[in-house]
């Protein structure tokens, strides 16, 4: 029997959900995934609750936005320490609400101090006023001023509730904004605790608001009262969010779905590729936006890869435990488990072969499903064309490199991909031909995603915009242009005719290009 951590007392959990406004009295039963037992009744926010939350956040933003960047970063430095000091409690919360294994929950908690540390270092330069040349050399200049947008709406998914909800909040706050955060009902506890730690670190009261509810009920009023939206989730919902953002004339960043390929070239190290595929396919029970669902293996090494991959998959420890022993935990809910089952059953009915797995495991917990490897998956199957988002992968052969690249690109998605080869220069050439916002060489996803200095986003139906990198902070700002003219010299001077002024201007333009002044 799974024993819940002693840290997750009813009193502690109740203190977290008291942060959520819920004037209607309606609640969501937030359960422990491993057992299905009730953890807490989560308040559901009404439209008036959301409007008030946005107004309170906006009022607090006037204080926070007036602080210097240095003062705001002082809060973030303290927050960084608090997250590390409370990392095991955060890991407990993530596990209980999401059902993932402890290794993955701990690694999720690491994303926050990594992202905060990057922007603590980078923000002073990015948010500093920048002086640019004006239209008239020496007599004019312009200053680029970065202003906070105001209230940023952040809609976080259930698969990485702490990492996405809180890590997206950090650059928005550093830029001087307030945040209204909507976590998924199933996984609201860890982001709520993250906001508590931000308040302990010293953000003004009310600067970050947390609202809860079903998307269709919450999205409209939330975006109508915000100045920008960051959304992570499905492509279908992302289209709705994009439409709402356009209707309200606010900017948006959308990280959406993927059907990510792993391309194993002829000269790849098979053992390393197999080891990585275990995490790529089954890490977080396959519930990672950047995880692998399509594995393309060169013909010459296909049989070796397949046999080793199946054998290693069958050794995985799949179980419910609050320790670091399991390799894989549960899916997030029974509903999601049923969706994964439907993809596997559809594939089997249409001729795919199950090499290992393929079954739900109610003996382990209500939402457990075995790590599953399929062969013979085709695009007319659900598992061959749409995102399964579970521990299910398909194996495919390819004969030539061009064929492998074409197969990898044969999807409407473009979030993440990986290329495996001993020749790194050649692998980089192949990576440039793959239609994906992130491409990892000899790694599944961590190298690209954890490189906080480089933007990370999707192509095609996998998203708009990016998190991380300079763009991940600057997107939460508006650029104000303050132009200064030292002397009134634009236009004809004195009795000068416009014909003479035009010729003078042409000469000046040629001279500026020649001297590179403009």
Protein backbone atom coordinates (compact mmCIF):
# COMPACT_ATOMS: atom_id res chain seq x y z
CA UNK A 1 0.00 0.00 0.00
CA UNK A 2 1.29 3.47 -0.92
CA UNK A 3 1.91 5.69 2.09
CA UNK A 4 1.37 9.38 1.52
CA UNK A 5 4.21 11.65 2.77
CA UNK A 6 3.69 12.98 6.29
CA UNK A 7 4.35 16.49 4.97
CA UNK A 8 1.01 16.57 3.15
CA UNK A 9 -1.23 17.15 6.15
CA UNK A 10 -4.85 18.23 5.69
CA UNK A 11 -4.04 21.51 7.44
CA UNK A 12 -1.18 22.27 5.04
CA UNK A 13 -3.20 21.44 1.95
CA UNK A 14 -6.18 23.47 3.16
CA UNK A 15 -3.89 26.46 3.73
CA UNK A 16 -2.82 26.31 0.08
CA UNK A 17 -6.29 26.24 -1.46
CA UNK A 18 -7.47 29.14 0.69
CA UNK A 19 -5.53 31.30 -1.75
CA UNK A 20 -8.03 30.47 -4.50
CA UNK A 21 -11.08 32.76 -4.73
CA UNK A 22 -14.32 30.79 -4.97
CA UNK A 23 -17.40 32.83 -4.11
CA UNK A 24 -19.86 30.30 -5.55
CA UNK A 25 -18.95 27.53 -3.14
CA UNK A 26 -18.34 25.10 -6.01
CA UNK A 27 -15.30 22.88 -5.60
CA UNK A 28 -13.21 20.32 -7.50
CA UNK A 29 -12.24 17.09 -5.80
CA UNK A 30 -8.46 17.05 -6.13
CA UNK A 31 -7.30 13.48 -5.55
CA UNK A 32 -4.08 11.60 -4.93
CA UNK A 33 -3.43 9.88 -8.25
CA UNK A 34 -1.86 6.71 -6.83
CA UNK A 35 -4.92 5.85 -4.73
CA UNK A 36 -7.80 7.99 -5.94
CA UNK A 37 -8.22 9.29 -2.36
CA UNK A 38 -9.38 12.86 -1.83
CA UNK A 39 -6.60 15.33 -1.03
CA UNK A 40 -8.55 18.57 -0.86
CA UNK A 41 -11.65 20.38 -2.14
CA UNK A 42 -10.34 22.98 -4.59
CA UNK A 43 -12.48 26.17 -4.88
CA UNK A 44 -13.69 27.07 -8.35
CA UNK A 45 -13.47 30.73 -9.34
CA UNK A 46 -16.47 32.56 -10.77
CA UNK A 47 -16.31 35.29 -13.41
CA UNK A 48 -16.57 37.97 -10.72
CA UNK A 49 -13.77 36.26 -8.78
CA UNK A 50 -11.55 36.38 -11.85
CA UNK A 51 -12.32 40.02 -12.60
CA UNK A 52 -11.50 40.94 -9.00
CA UNK A 53 -8.31 38.87 -9.02
CA UNK A 54 -7.10 40.69 -12.13
CA UNK A 55 -7.96 44.06 -10.57
CA UNK A 56 -6.10 43.20 -7.36
CA UNK A 57 -3.10 42.02 -9.36
CA UNK A 58 -3.12 45.26 -11.37
CA UNK A 59 -3.14 47.35 -8.22
CA UNK A 60 -0.19 45.41 -6.79
CA UNK A 61 1.65 45.73 -10.10
CA UNK A 62 1.77 49.51 -9.72
CA UNK A 63 3.92 48.99 -6.63
CA UNK A 64 6.05 46.16 -8.03
CA UNK A 65 6.56 47.89 -11.39
CA UNK A 66 7.87 51.00 -9.63
CA UNK A 67 10.65 49.00 -7.97
CA UNK A 68 14.07 48.97 -9.58
CA UNK A 69 15.17 45.84 -11.43
CA UNK A 70 17.81 45.36 -8.75
CA UNK A 71 15.19 45.35 -5.99
CA UNK A 72 12.97 42.90 -7.86
CA UNK A 73 15.93 40.60 -8.44
CA UNK A 74 16.69 40.68 -4.72
CA UNK A 75 13.30 39.05 -4.17
CA UNK A 76 14.06 36.46 -6.83
CA UNK A 77 17.36 35.56 -5.21
CA UNK A 78 15.58 34.86 -1.95
CA UNK A 79 12.90 32.88 -3.81
CA UNK A 80 15.64 30.79 -5.46
CA UNK A 81 16.94 29.80 -2.01
CA UNK A 82 13.46 29.06 -0.67
CA UNK A 83 12.70 26.67 -3.55
CA UNK A 84 15.86 24.68 -2.93
CA UNK A 85 15.23 24.65 0.84
CA UNK A 86 11.72 23.26 0.24
CA UNK A 87 12.53 21.02 -2.71
CA UNK A 88 11.49 17.73 -1.13
CA UNK A 89 8.14 19.14 -0.02
CA UNK A 90 7.60 20.46 -3.55
CA UNK A 91 8.46 17.00 -4.87
CA UNK A 92 5.87 15.45 -2.51
CA UNK A 93 3.18 17.79 -3.81
CA UNK A 94 4.03 17.17 -7.46
CA UNK A 95 3.93 13.41 -6.96
CA UNK A 96 0.67 13.33 -5.05
CA UNK A 97 -1.27 15.46 -7.53
CA UNK A 98 0.25 14.17 -10.80
CA UNK A 99 1.15 10.54 -10.07
CA UNK A 100 4.60 10.81 -11.66
CA UNK A 101 7.55 8.91 -10.24
CA UNK A 102 9.71 10.72 -7.70
CA UNK A 103 12.75 11.07 -9.94
CA UNK A 104 10.72 13.03 -12.47
CA UNK A 105 8.98 15.08 -9.77
CA UNK A 106 12.33 16.09 -8.30
CA UNK A 107 13.73 16.97 -11.73
CA UNK A 108 10.64 19.10 -12.37
CA UNK A 109 11.35 21.05 -9.20
CA UNK A 110 14.87 21.80 -10.47
CA UNK A 111 13.51 23.77 -13.42
CA UNK A 112 12.58 26.73 -11.23
CA UNK A 113 15.98 27.52 -9.68
CA UNK A 114 17.64 26.96 -13.07
CA UNK A 115 15.32 29.40 -14.84
CA UNK A 116 15.40 31.94 -12.01
CA UNK A 117 19.20 31.85 -11.88
CA UNK A 118 19.45 32.50 -15.61
CA UNK A 119 17.17 35.54 -15.56
CA UNK A 120 18.66 36.93 -12.35
CA UNK A 121 21.92 37.12 -14.28
CA UNK A 122 20.51 38.22 -17.63
CA UNK A 123 17.70 40.63 -16.71
CA UNK A 124 19.77 43.72 -15.80
CA UNK A 125 21.15 43.88 -19.32
CA UNK A 126 17.88 43.03 -21.07
CA UNK A 127 15.75 45.53 -19.13
CA UNK A 128 18.27 48.36 -19.20
CA UNK A 129 17.46 51.38 -21.36
CA UNK A 130 19.23 51.14 -24.73
CA UNK A 131 20.30 54.20 -26.69
CA UNK A 132 20.10 54.04 -30.50
CA UNK A 133 21.10 56.42 -33.26
CA UNK A 134 18.42 58.81 -34.46
CA UNK A 135 17.64 59.83 -38.05
CA UNK A 136 20.08 62.77 -37.98
CA UNK A 137 23.62 61.83 -36.87
CA UNK A 138 24.89 63.64 -33.78
CA UNK A 139 21.76 65.78 -33.48
CA UNK A 140 19.20 63.08 -32.63
CA UNK A 141 18.94 59.79 -30.80
CA UNK A 142 16.32 57.41 -29.55
CA UNK A 143 16.04 55.40 -26.35
CA UNK A 144 14.46 51.95 -26.15
CA UNK A 145 12.67 51.59 -22.83
CA UNK A 146 11.31 48.22 -21.70
CA UNK A 147 8.00 48.60 -19.88
CA UNK A 148 6.02 45.81 -18.18
CA UNK A 149 2.84 44.85 -19.97
CA UNK A 150 0.76 44.95 -16.79
CA UNK A 151 -1.14 41.77 -15.95
CA UNK A 152 0.10 38.52 -17.50
CA UNK A 153 -2.26 35.54 -17.69
CA UNK A 154 -0.46 32.21 -17.36
CA UNK A 155 -2.36 29.00 -18.09
CA UNK A 156 -0.37 25.97 -16.94
CA UNK A 157 -0.91 22.30 -17.87
CA UNK A 158 -1.19 19.29 -15.57
CA UNK A 159 1.87 17.40 -16.81
CA UNK A 160 4.45 19.81 -15.33
CA UNK A 161 2.35 22.06 -13.08
CA UNK A 162 5.16 23.50 -10.99
CA UNK A 163 7.74 23.86 -13.75
CA UNK A 164 5.45 25.56 -16.26
CA UNK A 165 3.22 27.51 -13.88
CA UNK A 166 5.99 28.95 -11.73
CA UNK A 167 8.85 29.09 -14.24
CA UNK A 168 6.72 31.12 -16.66
CA UNK A 169 5.75 33.39 -13.77
CA UNK A 170 9.38 34.23 -12.92
CA UNK A 171 10.38 36.21 -16.07
CA UNK A 172 6.96 37.90 -16.12
CA UNK A 173 7.56 39.15 -12.58
CA UNK A 174 11.18 40.13 -13.20
CA UNK A 175 9.95 42.26 -16.11
CA UNK A 176 7.73 44.13 -13.64
CA UNK A 177 4.36 42.51 -14.29
CA UNK A 178 1.66 41.05 -12.11
CA UNK A 179 0.52 37.49 -12.84
CA UNK A 180 -2.84 35.76 -12.78
CA UNK A 181 -2.12 32.03 -12.86
CA UNK A 182 -4.58 29.29 -13.77
CA UNK A 183 -3.24 25.83 -13.02
CA UNK A 184 -5.13 22.72 -14.06
CA UNK A 185 -7.64 21.63 -11.43
CA UNK A 186 -5.92 18.27 -11.13
CA UNK A 187 -2.54 19.78 -10.27
CA UNK A 188 -3.05 23.08 -8.46
CA UNK A 189 -1.19 22.31 -5.23
CA UNK A 190 2.46 22.64 -6.26
CA UNK A 191 1.98 25.97 -8.10
CA UNK A 192 0.00 27.29 -5.12
CA UNK A 193 2.93 26.45 -2.88
CA UNK A 194 5.28 28.14 -5.33
CA UNK A 195 3.25 31.34 -5.05
CA UNK A 196 3.40 31.06 -1.27
CA UNK A 197 7.19 30.95 -1.50
CA UNK A 198 7.21 34.02 -3.75
CA UNK A 199 5.23 35.89 -1.13
CA UNK A 200 7.66 34.73 1.56
CA UNK A 201 10.47 36.03 -0.63
CA UNK A 202 8.93 39.51 -0.65
CA UNK A 203 6.65 40.18 -3.62
CA UNK A 204 3.85 42.66 -2.79
CA UNK A 205 0.63 41.12 -1.50
CA UNK A 206 -1.75 40.29 -4.33
CA UNK A 207 0.85 40.53 -7.09
CA UNK A 208 0.32 36.90 -8.12
CA UNK A 209 -3.25 35.64 -8.10
CA UNK A 210 -4.27 32.01 -8.57
CA UNK A 211 -7.67 31.23 -10.04
CA UNK A 212 -9.11 27.77 -10.66
CA UNK A 213 -11.83 26.38 -12.88
CA UNK A 214 -12.53 24.64 -16.15
CA UNK A 215 -10.97 26.28 -19.19
CA UNK A 216 -14.15 27.32 -21.00
CA UNK A 217 -15.41 29.03 -17.83
CA UNK A 218 -12.18 30.78 -16.91
CA UNK A 219 -10.46 31.68 -20.18
CA UNK A 220 -12.79 34.44 -21.40
CA UNK A 221 -12.83 36.69 -18.33
CA UNK A 222 -9.17 35.97 -17.61
CA UNK A 223 -7.96 37.14 -21.01
CA UNK A 224 -10.42 40.04 -21.14
CA UNK A 225 -8.74 41.50 -18.06
CA UNK A 226 -5.09 40.73 -18.89
CA UNK A 227 -2.45 42.28 -21.15
CA UNK A 228 -0.66 39.11 -22.31
CA UNK A 229 -1.20 35.36 -22.11
CA UNK A 230 1.25 32.46 -21.82
CA UNK A 231 -0.39 29.11 -22.52
CA UNK A 232 0.99 25.57 -22.47
CA UNK A 233 -1.30 22.77 -23.56
CA UNK A 234 -3.00 21.11 -26.50
CA UNK A 235 -3.06 22.52 -30.01
CA UNK A 236 -6.87 22.52 -30.03
CA UNK A 237 -7.07 24.64 -26.88
CA UNK A 238 -4.19 26.79 -28.10
CA UNK A 239 -6.25 27.82 -31.11
CA UNK A 240 -9.03 28.98 -28.78
CA UNK A 241 -6.57 30.92 -26.62
CA UNK A 242 -5.06 32.52 -29.72
CA UNK A 243 -8.50 33.63 -30.90
CA UNK A 244 -9.32 35.13 -27.50
CA UNK A 245 -5.98 36.93 -27.43
CA UNK A 246 -6.65 38.37 -30.88
CA UNK A 247 -10.15 39.44 -29.86
CA UNK A 248 -8.72 41.32 -26.90
CA UNK A 249 -5.73 42.69 -28.87
CA UNK A 250 -3.18 41.22 -26.49
CA UNK A 251 -0.05 39.24 -27.27
CA UNK A 252 0.27 35.52 -26.67
CA UNK A 253 2.85 32.77 -26.46
CA UNK A 254 1.61 29.24 -27.06
CA UNK A 255 3.54 26.01 -26.49
CA UNK A 256 1.32 23.30 -27.92
CA UNK A 257 1.31 19.60 -28.81
CA UNK A 258 3.88 17.42 -30.49
CA UNK A 259 4.34 14.09 -32.23
CA UNK A 260 8.05 14.06 -31.72
CA UNK A 261 10.46 11.91 -33.77
CA UNK A 262 13.69 10.21 -32.77
CA UNK A 263 15.95 9.65 -35.78
CA UNK A 264 18.63 6.99 -35.20
CA UNK A 265 21.18 7.07 -38.02
CA UNK A 266 23.23 4.15 -39.27
CA UNK A 267 26.35 5.06 -37.28
CA UNK A 268 24.58 5.74 -33.96
CA UNK A 269 25.63 4.12 -30.71
CA UNK A 270 22.75 1.68 -30.33
CA UNK A 271 23.12 1.12 -26.60
CA UNK A 272 23.11 4.85 -25.86
CA UNK A 273 20.13 5.40 -28.14
CA UNK A 274 18.18 2.58 -26.48
CA UNK A 275 18.93 3.94 -23.03
CA UNK A 276 17.74 7.40 -24.05
CA UNK A 277 14.61 6.04 -25.72
CA UNK A 278 13.50 4.61 -22.37
CA UNK A 279 13.29 8.13 -20.97
CA UNK A 280 12.14 9.64 -24.26
CA UNK A 281 9.17 7.31 -24.53
CA UNK A 282 8.31 6.56 -20.91
CA UNK A 283 9.62 9.45 -18.81
CA UNK A 284 6.72 10.96 -16.86
CA UNK A 285 4.69 8.05 -18.26
CA UNK A 286 4.98 9.62 -21.71
CA UNK A 287 3.33 12.84 -20.52
CA UNK A 288 6.08 15.24 -21.61
CA UNK A 289 5.36 17.74 -24.38
CA UNK A 290 8.77 16.97 -25.89
CA UNK A 291 8.77 13.22 -25.37
CA UNK A 292 9.23 10.75 -28.24
CA UNK A 293 6.32 8.95 -29.89
CA UNK A 294 7.87 8.06 -33.28
CA UNK A 295 11.21 6.21 -33.39
CA UNK A 296 12.82 5.95 -36.84
CA UNK A 297 15.68 3.45 -36.89
CA UNK A 298 18.04 2.79 -39.80
CA UNK A 299 17.44 -0.59 -41.42
CA UNK A 300 20.95 -1.81 -40.69
CA UNK A 301 20.52 -1.50 -36.91
CA UNK A 302 16.74 -1.79 -36.60
CA UNK A 303 16.58 -5.38 -35.33
CA UNK A 304 19.33 -4.82 -32.78
CA UNK A 305 17.72 -1.62 -31.51
CA UNK A 306 14.24 -3.16 -31.35
CA UNK A 307 15.31 -6.25 -29.43
CA UNK A 308 17.38 -4.29 -26.92
CA UNK A 309 14.70 -1.65 -26.49
CA UNK A 310 11.99 -4.22 -25.80
CA UNK A 311 14.21 -6.09 -23.35
CA UNK A 312 15.15 -2.92 -21.42
CA UNK A 313 11.54 -1.69 -21.38
CA UNK A 314 10.42 -4.94 -19.78
CA UNK A 315 12.90 -4.33 -16.94
CA UNK A 316 11.41 -0.95 -15.97
CA UNK A 317 10.09 -0.65 -12.43
CA UNK A 318 6.54 0.68 -12.79
CA UNK A 319 4.97 1.31 -9.39
CA UNK A 320 3.40 3.76 -6.97
CA UNK A 321 5.92 4.94 -4.40
CA UNK A 322 7.12 8.16 -2.81
CA UNK A 323 10.77 7.14 -3.15
CA UNK A 324 13.32 7.20 -5.95
CA UNK A 325 13.04 3.51 -6.90
CA UNK A 326 10.33 3.47 -9.62
CA UNK A 327 11.35 4.19 -13.20
CA UNK A 328 7.81 5.13 -14.13
CA UNK A 329 4.69 6.18 -12.26
CA UNK A 330 1.05 6.65 -13.13
CA UNK A 331 -0.82 8.56 -15.78
CA UNK A 332 -2.47 11.66 -14.39
CA UNK A 333 -6.07 10.42 -14.29
CA UNK A 334 -8.39 7.58 -15.17
CA UNK A 335 -9.85 9.65 -18.02
CA UNK A 336 -6.43 10.14 -19.53
CA UNK A 337 -5.59 6.46 -19.06
CA UNK A 338 -8.74 5.58 -21.00
CA UNK A 339 -7.61 7.87 -23.83
CA UNK A 340 -4.24 6.13 -24.03
CA UNK A 341 -5.98 2.73 -24.00
CA UNK A 342 -8.16 3.84 -26.91
CA UNK A 343 -5.10 4.71 -29.01
CA UNK A 344 -3.51 1.31 -28.38
CA UNK A 345 -6.72 -0.61 -29.03
CA UNK A 346 -7.29 1.32 -32.26
CA UNK A 347 -3.74 0.52 -33.41
CA UNK A 348 -4.17 -3.19 -32.62
CA UNK A 349 -7.51 -3.33 -34.43
CA UNK A 350 -5.91 -1.83 -37.54
CA UNK A 351 -2.98 -4.23 -37.63
CA UNK A 352 -0.25 -2.85 -35.37
CA UNK A 353 1.75 -5.34 -33.32
CA UNK A 354 2.34 -4.90 -29.60
CA UNK A 355 5.96 -5.81 -28.87
CA UNK A 356 5.58 -5.25 -25.13
CA UNK A 357 3.06 -3.68 -22.76
CA UNK A 358 -0.33 -2.57 -24.03
CA UNK A 359 -2.32 -3.05 -20.84
CA UNK A 360 -3.77 -0.96 -18.06
CA UNK A 361 -2.53 -1.91 -14.58
CA UNK A 362 -5.32 -1.35 -12.06
CA UNK A 363 -3.40 -3.59 -9.64
CA UNK A 364 -0.84 -0.76 -9.33
CA UNK A 365 -3.30 2.14 -9.20
CA UNK A 366 -6.40 3.46 -10.96
CA UNK A 367 -4.54 5.25 -13.77
CA UNK A 368 -1.49 3.07 -14.41
CA UNK A 369 -0.64 1.85 -17.91
CA UNK A 370 2.28 -0.30 -19.02
CA UNK A 371 5.14 1.12 -21.11
CA UNK A 372 4.18 0.04 -24.61
CA UNK A 373 6.11 -0.46 -27.85
CA UNK A 374 4.20 -0.84 -31.12
CA UNK A 375 5.36 -1.97 -34.55
CA UNK A 376 3.52 -1.45 -37.81
CA UNK A 377 1.82 1.81 -36.82
CA UNK A 378 0.35 3.69 -39.78
CA UNK A 379 -1.05 7.19 -40.17
CA UNK A 380 -4.64 5.97 -40.29
CA UNK A 381 -4.27 4.96 -36.63
CA UNK A 382 -4.75 7.37 -33.74
CA UNK A 383 -1.31 6.44 -32.42
CA UNK A 384 0.20 7.19 -35.82
CA UNK A 385 -1.11 10.69 -36.42
CA UNK A 386 -2.29 12.35 -33.21
CA UNK A 387 -0.52 12.94 -29.92
CA UNK A 388 -1.09 9.98 -27.59
CA UNK A 389 0.64 11.64 -24.63
CA UNK A 390 1.22 8.40 -22.82
CA UNK A 391 3.85 5.64 -22.49
CA UNK A 392 3.30 4.44 -26.06
CA UNK A 393 5.85 4.59 -28.88
CA UNK A 394 5.95 3.29 -32.43
CA UNK A 395 9.03 1.84 -34.14
CA UNK A 396 9.68 2.45 -37.85
CA UNK A 397 12.42 1.44 -40.30
CA UNK A 398 14.07 3.71 -42.85
CA UNK A 399 16.57 2.81 -45.56
CA UNK A 400 18.15 6.14 -46.53
CA UNK A 401 18.87 9.32 -44.62
CA UNK A 402 16.61 11.38 -46.89
CA UNK A 403 13.80 8.92 -46.23
CA UNK A 404 14.34 9.15 -42.47
CA UNK A 405 14.25 12.94 -42.53
CA UNK A 406 11.12 12.94 -44.67
CA UNK A 407 9.41 10.55 -42.24
CA UNK A 408 10.44 12.68 -39.26
CA UNK A 409 8.92 15.74 -40.97
CA UNK A 410 5.72 13.94 -41.98
CA UNK A 411 3.57 15.52 -39.28
CA UNK A 412 1.63 18.70 -38.60
CA UNK A 413 3.66 19.17 -35.41
CA UNK A 414 7.16 20.54 -34.87
CA UNK A 415 7.98 20.84 -31.18
CA UNK A 416 10.94 18.56 -30.53
CA UNK A 417 13.12 15.99 -32.27
CA UNK A 418 16.36 14.12 -31.71
CA UNK A 419 19.12 12.90 -34.03
CA UNK A 420 21.52 10.09 -33.09
CA UNK A 421 24.93 9.76 -34.73
CA UNK A 422 28.60 9.47 -33.76
CA UNK A 423 29.43 12.17 -36.32
CA UNK A 424 28.32 15.38 -34.57
CA UNK A 425 28.95 17.68 -37.54
CA UNK A 426 26.86 15.47 -39.78
CA UNK A 427 24.15 15.18 -37.13
CA UNK A 428 23.96 18.99 -36.96
CA UNK A 429 23.45 19.11 -40.72
CA UNK A 430 20.61 16.61 -40.39
CA UNK A 431 19.12 18.59 -37.49
CA UNK A 432 18.85 21.70 -39.64
CA UNK A 433 16.66 19.75 -42.09
CA UNK A 434 14.12 18.73 -39.45
CA UNK A 435 11.06 20.95 -39.10
CA UNK A 436 11.15 21.33 -35.33
CA UNK A 437 11.68 24.20 -32.93
CA UNK A 438 13.96 22.04 -30.78
CA UNK A 439 16.35 19.38 -32.07
CA UNK A 440 18.64 17.47 -29.72
CA UNK A 441 21.71 15.57 -30.89
CA UNK A 442 22.44 12.38 -28.93
CA UNK A 443 19.87 13.40 -26.32
CA UNK A 444 16.09 13.29 -26.19
CA UNK A 445 15.04 16.69 -24.87
CA UNK A 446 16.90 17.94 -21.80
CA UNK A 447 19.84 19.51 -23.64
CA UNK A 448 17.65 21.83 -25.69
CA UNK A 449 14.99 22.55 -23.07
CA UNK A 450 17.39 23.11 -20.17
CA UNK A 451 19.55 25.51 -22.20
CA UNK A 452 17.85 28.51 -20.61
CA UNK A 453 19.81 31.01 -22.70
CA UNK A 454 18.29 29.76 -25.97
CA UNK A 455 14.63 30.27 -26.98
CA UNK A 456 12.53 27.10 -26.91
CA UNK A 457 9.31 26.92 -28.92
CA UNK A 458 7.44 24.99 -31.55
CA UNK A 459 7.01 25.19 -35.32
CA UNK A 460 3.92 24.39 -37.40
CA UNK A 461 1.01 23.33 -35.15
CA UNK A 462 3.24 23.11 -32.09
CA UNK A 463 3.06 26.72 -31.08
CA UNK A 464 3.69 30.44 -31.41
CA UNK A 465 6.56 32.23 -29.71
CA UNK A 466 9.02 30.78 -27.21
CA UNK A 467 10.00 30.55 -23.59
CA UNK A 468 13.61 30.83 -22.37
CA UNK A 469 16.35 32.94 -23.90
CA UNK A 470 16.15 36.73 -24.14
CA UNK A 471 12.82 36.33 -25.92
CA UNK A 472 11.41 34.52 -22.89
CA UNK A 473 11.77 37.69 -20.81
CA UNK A 474 11.32 40.44 -23.39
CA UNK A 475 7.97 39.02 -24.55
CA UNK A 476 6.56 40.19 -21.21
CA UNK A 477 7.51 43.80 -21.99
CA UNK A 478 6.45 46.56 -24.36
CA UNK A 479 9.16 48.55 -26.10
CA UNK A 480 8.73 52.30 -25.72
CA UNK A 481 10.64 54.51 -28.16
CA UNK A 482 11.66 57.92 -26.79
CA UNK A 483 13.14 60.03 -29.59
CA UNK A 484 15.16 63.17 -28.93
CA UNK A 485 15.98 65.91 -31.46
CA UNK A 486 18.59 68.36 -30.15
CA UNK A 487 18.01 71.03 -32.81
CA UNK A 488 15.19 71.77 -35.22
CA UNK A 489 16.93 70.96 -38.51
CA UNK A 490 14.41 68.70 -40.26
CA UNK A 491 13.00 70.37 -43.35
CA UNK A 492 14.25 73.35 -45.37
CA UNK A 493 16.20 75.87 -43.34
CA UNK A 494 15.62 79.61 -43.70
CA UNK A 495 15.03 80.52 -47.36
CA UNK A 496 16.19 77.11 -48.63
CA UNK A 497 13.84 75.67 -51.29
CA UNK A 498 12.50 72.16 -50.96
CA UNK A 499 14.31 71.19 -54.18
CA UNK A 500 17.60 72.19 -52.57
CA UNK A 501 16.64 70.44 -49.34
CA UNK A 502 15.79 67.25 -51.25
CA UNK A 503 19.20 67.24 -53.00
CA UNK A 504 20.92 67.88 -49.67
CA UNK A 505 19.01 64.99 -48.14
CA UNK A 506 20.05 62.63 -50.93
CA UNK A 507 23.67 63.59 -50.49
CA UNK A 508 23.36 63.05 -46.74
CA UNK A 509 21.82 59.60 -47.22
CA UNK A 510 24.67 58.53 -49.49
CA UNK A 511 27.23 59.90 -47.05
CA UNK A 512 25.66 58.16 -44.06
CA UNK A 513 25.73 54.82 -45.88
CA UNK A 514 29.31 55.35 -46.97
CA UNK A 515 30.45 56.31 -43.49
CA UNK A 516 28.11 53.71 -41.88
CA UNK A 517 26.55 56.31 -39.65
CA UNK A 518 23.13 54.95 -40.70
